[in-house]
Amino acid sequence: MTLKEKTAFLESYRERAEKGQTLDVKEIGAAYEERVGHRIGSRQIYRVLQRHGWRKVTPRSRHPKKASEEAIAASKN
């Protein structure tokens, strides 16, 4: 695939990502393999995403300003 074809391919996923939807690399990889017509390694998908400025963003497990468990327990007493 050319650079323009890859950009067009990733555009639909970019729209979903901008809406806040979670994307799965396996899903993108399967669609990419279908588009090129042969199997590819998982690393190739990550390289394509990196080349187009994508990065891994994950939600935090807890709020950064949340009080510690000890402070919460002390405030309840």
PDB file of N, CA and C in Angstrom:
ATOM      1  N   MET A   1       0.841  -1.184   0.000  1.00  0.00           N
ATOM      2  CA  MET A   1       0.000   0.000   0.000  1.00  0.00           C
ATOM      3  C   MET A   1       0.886   1.247   0.000  1.00  0.00           C
ATOM      4  N   THR A   2       0.429   2.240  -0.672  1.00  0.00           N
ATOM      5  CA  THR A   2       1.162   3.503  -0.673  1.00  0.00           C
ATOM      6  C   THR A   2       0.815   4.288   0.587  1.00  0.00           C
ATOM      7  N   LEU A   3       1.548   5.341   0.815  1.00  0.00           N
ATOM      8  CA  LEU A   3       1.324   6.173   1.993  1.00  0.00           C
ATOM      9  C   LEU A   3      -0.078   6.789   1.967  1.00  0.00           C
ATOM     10  N   LYS A   4      -0.519   7.234   0.793  1.00  0.00           N
ATOM     11  CA  LYS A   4      -1.858   7.821   0.676  1.00  0.00           C
ATOM     12  C   LYS A   4      -2.941   6.788   0.943  1.00  0.00           C
ATOM     13  N   GLU A   5      -2.735   5.558   0.475  1.00  0.00           N
ATOM     14  CA  GLU A   5      -3.714   4.488   0.716  1.00  0.00           C
ATOM     15  C   GLU A   5      -3.791   4.150   2.207  1.00  0.00           C
ATOM     16  N   LYS A   6      -2.643   4.129   2.860  1.00  0.00           N
ATOM     17  CA  LYS A   6      -2.634   3.843   4.303  1.00  0.00           C
ATOM     18  C   LYS A   6      -3.317   4.962   5.074  1.00  0.00           C
ATOM     19  N   THR A   7      -3.077   6.201   4.667  1.00  0.00           N
ATOM     20  CA  THR A   7      -3.723   7.342   5.322  1.00  0.00           C
ATOM     21  C   THR A   7      -5.234   7.254   5.168  1.00  0.00           C
ATOM     22  N   ALA A   8      -5.697   6.930   3.961  1.00  0.00           N
ATOM     23  CA  ALA A   8      -7.134   6.790   3.721  1.00  0.00           C
ATOM     24  C   ALA A   8      -7.705   5.628   4.523  1.00  0.00           C
ATOM     25  N   PHE A   9      -6.961   4.542   4.628  1.00  0.00           N
ATOM     26  CA  PHE A   9      -7.396   3.376   5.393  1.00  0.00           C
ATOM     27  C   PHE A   9      -7.581   3.722   6.869  1.00  0.00           C
ATOM     28  N   LEU A  10      -6.631   4.488   7.426  1.00  0.00           N
ATOM     29  CA  LEU A  10      -6.689   4.823   8.849  1.00  0.00           C
ATOM     30  C   LEU A  10      -7.678   5.946   9.164  1.00  0.00           C
ATOM     31  N   GLU A  11      -8.167   6.644   8.169  1.00  0.00           N
ATOM     32  CA  GLU A  11      -9.056   7.786   8.396  1.00  0.00           C
ATOM     33  C   GLU A  11     -10.353   7.381   9.109  1.00  0.00           C
ATOM     34  N   SER A  12     -10.937   6.251   8.732  1.00  0.00           N
ATOM     35  CA  SER A  12     -12.174   5.829   9.394  1.00  0.00           C
ATOM     36  C   SER A  12     -11.922   5.506  10.873  1.00  0.00           C
ATOM     37  N   TYR A  13     -10.763   4.942  11.152  1.00  0.00           N
ATOM     38  CA  TYR A  13     -10.419   4.645  12.545  1.00  0.00           C
ATOM     39  C   TYR A  13     -10.116   5.936  13.307  1.00  0.00           C
ATOM     40  N   ARG A  14      -9.524   6.904  12.640  1.00  0.00           N
ATOM     41  CA  ARG A  14      -9.230   8.188  13.285  1.00  0.00           C
ATOM     42  C   ARG A  14     -10.539   8.874  13.704  1.00  0.00           C
ATOM     43  N   GLU A  15     -11.541   8.810  12.838  1.00  0.00           N
ATOM     44  CA  GLU A  15     -12.837   9.412  13.167  1.00  0.00           C
ATOM     45  C   GLU A  15     -13.440   8.760  14.403  1.00  0.00           C
ATOM     46  N   ARG A  16     -13.352   7.432  14.483  1.00  0.00           N
ATOM     47  CA  ARG A  16     -13.869   6.729  15.661  1.00  0.00           C
ATOM     48  C   ARG A  16     -13.088   7.103  16.915  1.00  0.00           C
ATOM     49  N   ALA A  17     -11.778   7.236  16.786  1.00  0.00           N
ATOM     50  CA  ALA A  17     -10.934   7.579  17.934  1.00  0.00           C
ATOM     51  C   ALA A  17     -11.235   8.989  18.421  1.00  0.00           C
ATOM     52  N   GLU A  18     -11.485   9.909  17.495  1.00  0.00           N
ATOM     53  CA  GLU A  18     -11.790  11.282  17.887  1.00  0.00           C
ATOM     54  C   GLU A  18     -13.136  11.382  18.605  1.00  0.00           C
ATOM     55  N   LYS A  19     -14.028  10.439  18.348  1.00  0.00           N
ATOM     56  CA  LYS A  19     -15.318  10.409  19.042  1.00  0.00           C
ATOM     57  C   LYS A  19     -15.188   9.808  20.433  1.00  0.00           C
ATOM     58  N   GLY A  20     -14.006   9.279  20.753  1.00  0.00           N
ATOM     59  CA  GLY A  20     -13.771   8.715  22.077  1.00  0.00           C
ATOM     60  C   GLY A  20     -13.966   7.221  22.148  1.00  0.00           C
ATOM     61  N   GLN A  21     -14.158   6.573  21.020  1.00  0.00           N
ATOM     62  CA  GLN A  21     -14.343   5.129  21.019  1.00  0.00           C
ATOM     63  C   GLN A  21     -12.997   4.421  21.155  1.00  0.00           C
ATOM     64  N   THR A  22     -13.018   3.274  21.796  1.00  0.00           N
ATOM     65  CA  THR A  22     -11.810   2.491  21.982  1.00  0.00           C
ATOM     66  C   THR A  22     -11.533   1.691  20.715  1.00  0.00           C
ATOM     67  N   LEU A  23     -10.289   1.691  20.284  1.00  0.00           N
ATOM     68  CA  LEU A  23      -9.894   0.943  19.098  1.00  0.00           C
ATOM     69  C   LEU A  23      -9.020  -0.228  19.500  1.00  0.00           C
ATOM     70  N   ASP A  24      -9.164  -1.320  18.774  1.00  0.00           N
ATOM     71  CA  ASP A  24      -8.382  -2.519  19.029  1.00  0.00           C
ATOM     72  C   ASP A  24      -7.429  -2.740  17.861  1.00  0.00           C
ATOM     73  N   VAL A  25      -6.163  -2.935  18.152  1.00  0.00           N
ATOM     74  CA  VAL A  25      -5.165  -3.114  17.107  1.00  0.00           C
ATOM     75  C   VAL A  25      -5.437  -4.396  16.321  1.00  0.00           C
ATOM     76  N   LYS A  26      -5.993  -5.413  16.974  1.00  0.00           N
ATOM     77  CA  LYS A  26      -6.316  -6.655  16.269  1.00  0.00           C
ATOM     78  C   LYS A  26      -7.354  -6.399  15.185  1.00  0.00           C
ATOM     79  N   GLU A  27      -8.320  -5.566  15.493  1.00  0.00           N
ATOM     80  CA  GLU A  27      -9.355  -5.221  14.518  1.00  0.00           C
ATOM     81  C   GLU A  27      -8.747  -4.472  13.328  1.00  0.00           C
ATOM     82  N   ILE A  28      -7.887  -3.512  13.618  1.00  0.00           N
ATOM     83  CA  ILE A  28      -7.233  -2.752  12.557  1.00  0.00           C
ATOM     84  C   ILE A  28      -6.338  -3.675  11.738  1.00  0.00           C
ATOM     85  N   GLY A  29      -5.629  -4.584  12.407  1.00  0.00           N
ATOM     86  CA  GLY A  29      -4.748  -5.522  11.712  1.00  0.00           C
ATOM     87  C   GLY A  29      -5.506  -6.458  10.785  1.00  0.00           C
ATOM     88  N   ALA A  30      -6.659  -6.953  11.238  1.00  0.00           N
ATOM     89  CA  ALA A  30      -7.460  -7.844  10.400  1.00  0.00           C
ATOM     90  C   ALA A  30      -7.957  -7.116   9.155  1.00  0.00           C
ATOM     91  N   ALA A  31      -8.407  -5.887   9.325  1.00  0.00           N
ATOM     92  CA  ALA A  31      -8.878  -5.104   8.178  1.00  0.00           C
ATOM     93  C   ALA A  31      -7.718  -4.792   7.233  1.00  0.00           C
ATOM     94  N   TYR A  32      -6.544  -4.528   7.786  1.00  0.00           N
ATOM     95  CA  TYR A  32      -5.359  -4.235   6.970  1.00  0.00           C
ATOM     96  C   TYR A  32      -4.965  -5.460   6.156  1.00  0.00           C
ATOM     97  N   GLU A  33      -4.967  -6.640   6.803  1.00  0.00           N
ATOM     98  CA  GLU A  33      -4.636  -7.877   6.098  1.00  0.00           C
ATOM     99  C   GLU A  33      -5.625  -8.141   4.968  1.00  0.00           C
ATOM    100  N   GLU A  34      -6.894  -7.893   5.218  1.00  0.00           N
ATOM    101  CA  GLU A  34      -7.909  -8.081   4.193  1.00  0.00           C
ATOM    102  C   GLU A  34      -7.669  -7.128   3.021  1.00  0.00           C
ATOM    103  N   ARG A  35      -7.244  -5.938   3.328  1.00  0.00           N
ATOM    104  CA  ARG A  35      -7.013  -4.920   2.300  1.00  0.00           C
ATOM    105  C   ARG A  35      -5.814  -5.263   1.424  1.00  0.00           C
ATOM    106  N   VAL A  36      -4.720  -5.755   2.050  1.00  0.00           N
ATOM    107  CA  VAL A  36      -3.527  -6.056   1.257  1.00  0.00           C
ATOM    108  C   VAL A  36      -3.568  -7.458   0.649  1.00  0.00           C
ATOM    109  N   GLY A  37      -4.412  -8.333   1.194  1.00  0.00           N
ATOM    110  CA  GLY A  37      -4.587  -9.655   0.604  1.00  0.00           C
ATOM    111  C   GLY A  37      -3.655 -10.737   1.100  1.00  0.00           C
ATOM    112  N   HIS A  38      -2.909 -10.486   2.169  1.00  0.00           N
ATOM    113  CA  HIS A  38      -2.046 -11.529   2.745  1.00  0.00           C
ATOM    114  C   HIS A  38      -1.823 -11.228   4.218  1.00  0.00           C
ATOM    115  N   ARG A  39      -1.311 -12.252   4.926  1.00  0.00           N
ATOM    116  CA  ARG A  39      -1.068 -12.093   6.363  1.00  0.00           C
ATOM    117  C   ARG A  39       0.161 -11.215   6.583  1.00  0.00           C
ATOM    118  N   ILE A  40       0.121 -10.490   7.693  1.00  0.00           N
ATOM    119  CA  ILE A  40       1.250  -9.641   8.067  1.00  0.00           C
ATOM    120  C   ILE A  40       1.525  -9.842   9.549  1.00  0.00           C
ATOM    121  N   GLY A  41       2.684  -9.459   9.982  1.00  0.00           N
ATOM    122  CA  GLY A  41       3.035  -9.562  11.388  1.00  0.00           C
ATOM    123  C   GLY A  41       2.396  -8.445  12.198  1.00  0.00           C
ATOM    124  N   SER A  42       2.211  -8.685  13.479  1.00  0.00           N
ATOM    125  CA  SER A  42       1.585  -7.674  14.336  1.00  0.00           C
ATOM    126  C   SER A  42       2.452  -6.420  14.440  1.00  0.00           C
ATOM    127  N   ARG A  43       3.755  -6.583  14.357  1.00  0.00           N
ATOM    128  CA  ARG A  43       4.655  -5.436  14.472  1.00  0.00           C
ATOM    129  C   ARG A  43       4.460  -4.459  13.310  1.00  0.00           C
ATOM    130  N   GLN A  44       4.082  -4.981  12.148  1.00  0.00           N
ATOM    131  CA  GLN A  44       3.889  -4.104  10.997  1.00  0.00           C
ATOM    132  C   GLN A  44       2.731  -3.132  11.237  1.00  0.00           C
ATOM    133  N   ILE A  45       1.664  -3.587  11.885  1.00  0.00           N
ATOM    134  CA  ILE A  45       0.536  -2.702  12.190  1.00  0.00           C
ATOM    135  C   ILE A  45       0.986  -1.601  13.135  1.00  0.00           C
ATOM    136  N   TYR A  46       1.738  -1.963  14.163  1.00  0.00           N
ATOM    137  CA  TYR A  46       2.221  -0.958  15.105  1.00  0.00           C
ATOM    138  C   TYR A  46       3.128   0.058  14.414  1.00  0.00           C
ATOM    139  N   ARG A  47       3.924  -0.389  13.454  1.00  0.00           N
ATOM    140  CA  ARG A  47       4.796   0.534  12.722  1.00  0.00           C
ATOM    141  C   ARG A  47       3.983   1.471  11.836  1.00  0.00           C
ATOM    142  N   VAL A  48       2.940   0.951  11.208  1.00  0.00           N
ATOM    143  CA  VAL A  48       2.075   1.794  10.376  1.00  0.00           C
ATOM    144  C   VAL A  48       1.420   2.862  11.244  1.00  0.00           C
ATOM    145  N   LEU A  49       0.899   2.458  12.399  1.00  0.00           N
ATOM    146  CA  LEU A  49       0.250   3.415  13.293  1.00  0.00           C
ATOM    147  C   LEU A  49       1.240   4.461  13.797  1.00  0.00           C
ATOM    148  N   GLN A  50       2.433   4.028  14.144  1.00  0.00           N
ATOM    149  CA  GLN A  50       3.459   4.965  14.616  1.00  0.00           C
ATOM    150  C   GLN A  50       3.844   5.937  13.507  1.00  0.00           C
ATOM    151  N   ARG A  51       3.974   5.451  12.300  1.00  0.00           N
ATOM    152  CA  ARG A  51       4.360   6.276  11.160  1.00  0.00           C
ATOM    153  C   ARG A  51       3.338   7.378  10.890  1.00  0.00           C
ATOM    154  N   HIS A  52       2.081   7.104  11.234  1.00  0.00           N
ATOM    155  CA  HIS A  52       1.017   8.074  10.999  1.00  0.00           C
ATOM    156  C   HIS A  52       0.686   8.892  12.243  1.00  0.00           C
ATOM    157  N   GLY A  53       1.544   8.820  13.263  1.00  0.00           N
ATOM    158  CA  GLY A  53       1.399   9.671  14.434  1.00  0.00           C
ATOM    159  C   GLY A  53       0.439   9.168  15.491  1.00  0.00           C
ATOM    160  N   TRP A  54       0.076   7.897  15.422  1.00  0.00           N
ATOM    161  CA  TRP A  54      -0.810   7.346  16.436  1.00  0.00           C
ATOM    162  C   TRP A  54       0.017   6.963  17.653  1.00  0.00           C
ATOM    163  N   ARG A  55      -0.612   6.999  18.812  1.00  0.00           N
ATOM    164  CA  ARG A  55       0.063   6.576  20.038  1.00  0.00           C
ATOM    165  C   ARG A  55      -0.943   5.892  20.942  1.00  0.00           C
ATOM    166  N   LYS A  56      -0.448   5.149  21.887  1.00  0.00           N
ATOM    167  CA  LYS A  56      -1.314   4.412  22.801  1.00  0.00           C
ATOM    168  C   LYS A  56      -1.758   5.344  23.921  1.00  0.00           C
ATOM    169  N   VAL A  57      -3.053   5.451  24.081  1.00  0.00           N
ATOM    170  CA  VAL A  57      -3.618   6.268  25.150  1.00  0.00           C
ATOM    171  C   VAL A  57      -4.563   5.369  25.933  1.00  0.00           C
ATOM    172  N   THR A  58      -4.320   5.266  27.236  1.00  0.00           N
ATOM    173  CA  THR A  58      -5.178   4.438  28.071  1.00  0.00           C
ATOM    174  C   THR A  58      -5.754   5.289  29.193  1.00  0.00           C
ATOM    175  N   PRO A  59      -6.965   4.955  29.625  1.00  0.00           N
ATOM    176  CA  PRO A  59      -7.541   5.715  30.729  1.00  0.00           C
ATOM    177  C   PRO A  59      -6.810   5.398  32.037  1.00  0.00           C
ATOM    178  N   ARG A  60      -6.810   6.374  32.922  1.00  0.00           N
ATOM    179  CA  ARG A  60      -6.176   6.163  34.229  1.00  0.00           C
ATOM    180  C   ARG A  60      -7.007   5.204  35.056  1.00  0.00           C
ATOM    181  N   SER A  61      -6.348   4.463  35.921  1.00  0.00           N
ATOM    182  CA  SER A  61      -7.060   3.525  36.782  1.00  0.00           C
ATOM    183  C   SER A  61      -7.784   4.251  37.922  1.00  0.00           C
ATOM    184  N   ARG A  62      -7.292   5.447  38.270  1.00  0.00           N
ATOM    185  CA  ARG A  62      -7.958   6.246  39.295  1.00  0.00           C
ATOM    186  C   ARG A  62      -7.621   7.717  39.049  1.00  0.00           C
ATOM    187  N   HIS A  63      -8.382   8.597  39.652  1.00  0.00           N
ATOM    188  CA  HIS A  63      -8.159  10.023  39.480  1.00  0.00           C
ATOM    189  C   HIS A  63      -6.857  10.427  40.168  1.00  0.00           C
ATOM    190  N   PRO A  64      -6.022  11.249  39.547  1.00  0.00           N
ATOM    191  CA  PRO A  64      -4.723  11.589  40.141  1.00  0.00           C
ATOM    192  C   PRO A  64      -4.825  12.407  41.422  1.00  0.00           C
ATOM    193  N   LYS A  65      -5.929  13.117  41.640  1.00  0.00           N
ATOM    194  CA  LYS A  65      -6.061  13.925  42.848  1.00  0.00           C
ATOM    195  C   LYS A  65      -6.896  13.250  43.934  1.00  0.00           C
ATOM    196  N   LYS A  66      -7.254  11.987  43.728  1.00  0.00           N
ATOM    197  CA  LYS A  66      -8.047  11.274  44.709  1.00  0.00           C
ATOM    198  C   LYS A  66      -7.243  11.097  45.998  1.00  0.00           C
ATOM    199  N   ALA A  67      -7.913  11.285  47.118  1.00  0.00           N
ATOM    200  CA  ALA A  67      -7.248  11.138  48.412  1.00  0.00           C
ATOM    201  C   ALA A  67      -6.878   9.675  48.640  1.00  0.00           C
ATOM    202  N   SER A  68      -5.883   9.460  49.462  1.00  0.00           N
ATOM    203  CA  SER A  68      -5.465   8.094  49.770  1.00  0.00           C
ATOM    204  C   SER A  68      -6.547   7.391  50.593  1.00  0.00           C
ATOM    205  N   GLU A  69      -6.480   6.087  50.643  1.00  0.00           N
ATOM    206  CA  GLU A  69      -7.469   5.304  51.397  1.00  0.00           C
ATOM    207  C   GLU A  69      -7.436   5.673  52.882  1.00  0.00           C
ATOM    208  N   GLU A  70      -6.267   5.980  53.410  1.00  0.00           N
ATOM    209  CA  GLU A  70      -6.146   6.355  54.817  1.00  0.00           C
ATOM    210  C   GLU A  70      -6.863   7.677  55.079  1.00  0.00           C
ATOM    211  N   ALA A  71      -6.714   8.635  54.180  1.00  0.00           N
ATOM    212  CA  ALA A  71      -7.376   9.932  54.361  1.00  0.00           C
ATOM    213  C   ALA A  71      -8.883   9.791  54.264  1.00  0.00           C
ATOM    214  N   ILE A  72      -9.353   8.938  53.376  1.00  0.00           N
ATOM    215  CA  ILE A  72     -10.803   8.725  53.258  1.00  0.00           C
ATOM    216  C   ILE A  72     -11.340   8.089  54.514  1.00  0.00           C
ATOM    217  N   ALA A  73     -10.632   7.073  55.044  1.00  0.00           N
ATOM    218  CA  ALA A  73     -11.078   6.398  56.271  1.00  0.00           C
ATOM    219  C   ALA A  73     -11.062   7.368  57.452  1.00  0.00           C
ATOM    220  N   ALA A  74     -10.059   8.249  57.544  1.00  0.00           N
ATOM    221  CA  ALA A  74      -9.976   9.193  58.639  1.00  0.00           C
ATOM    222  C   ALA A  74     -11.104  10.233  58.569  1.00  0.00           C
ATOM    223  N   SER A  75     -11.502  10.612  57.371  1.00  0.00           N
ATOM    224  CA  SER A  75     -12.558  11.624  57.254  1.00  0.00           C
ATOM    225  C   SER A  75     -13.925  11.046  57.592  1.00  0.00           C
ATOM    226  N   LYS A  76     -14.089   9.737  57.520  1.00  0.00           N
ATOM    227  CA  LYS A  76     -15.374   9.101  57.848  1.00  0.00           C
ATOM    228  C   LYS A  76     -15.574   8.994  59.357  1.00  0.00           C
ATOM    229  N   ASN A  77     -14.511   9.088  60.133  1.00  0.00           N
ATOM    230  CA  ASN A  77     -14.632   8.929  61.588  1.00  0.00           C
ATOM    231  C   ASN A  77     -15.006  10.198  62.244  1.00  0.00           C
TER     232      ASN A  77
END
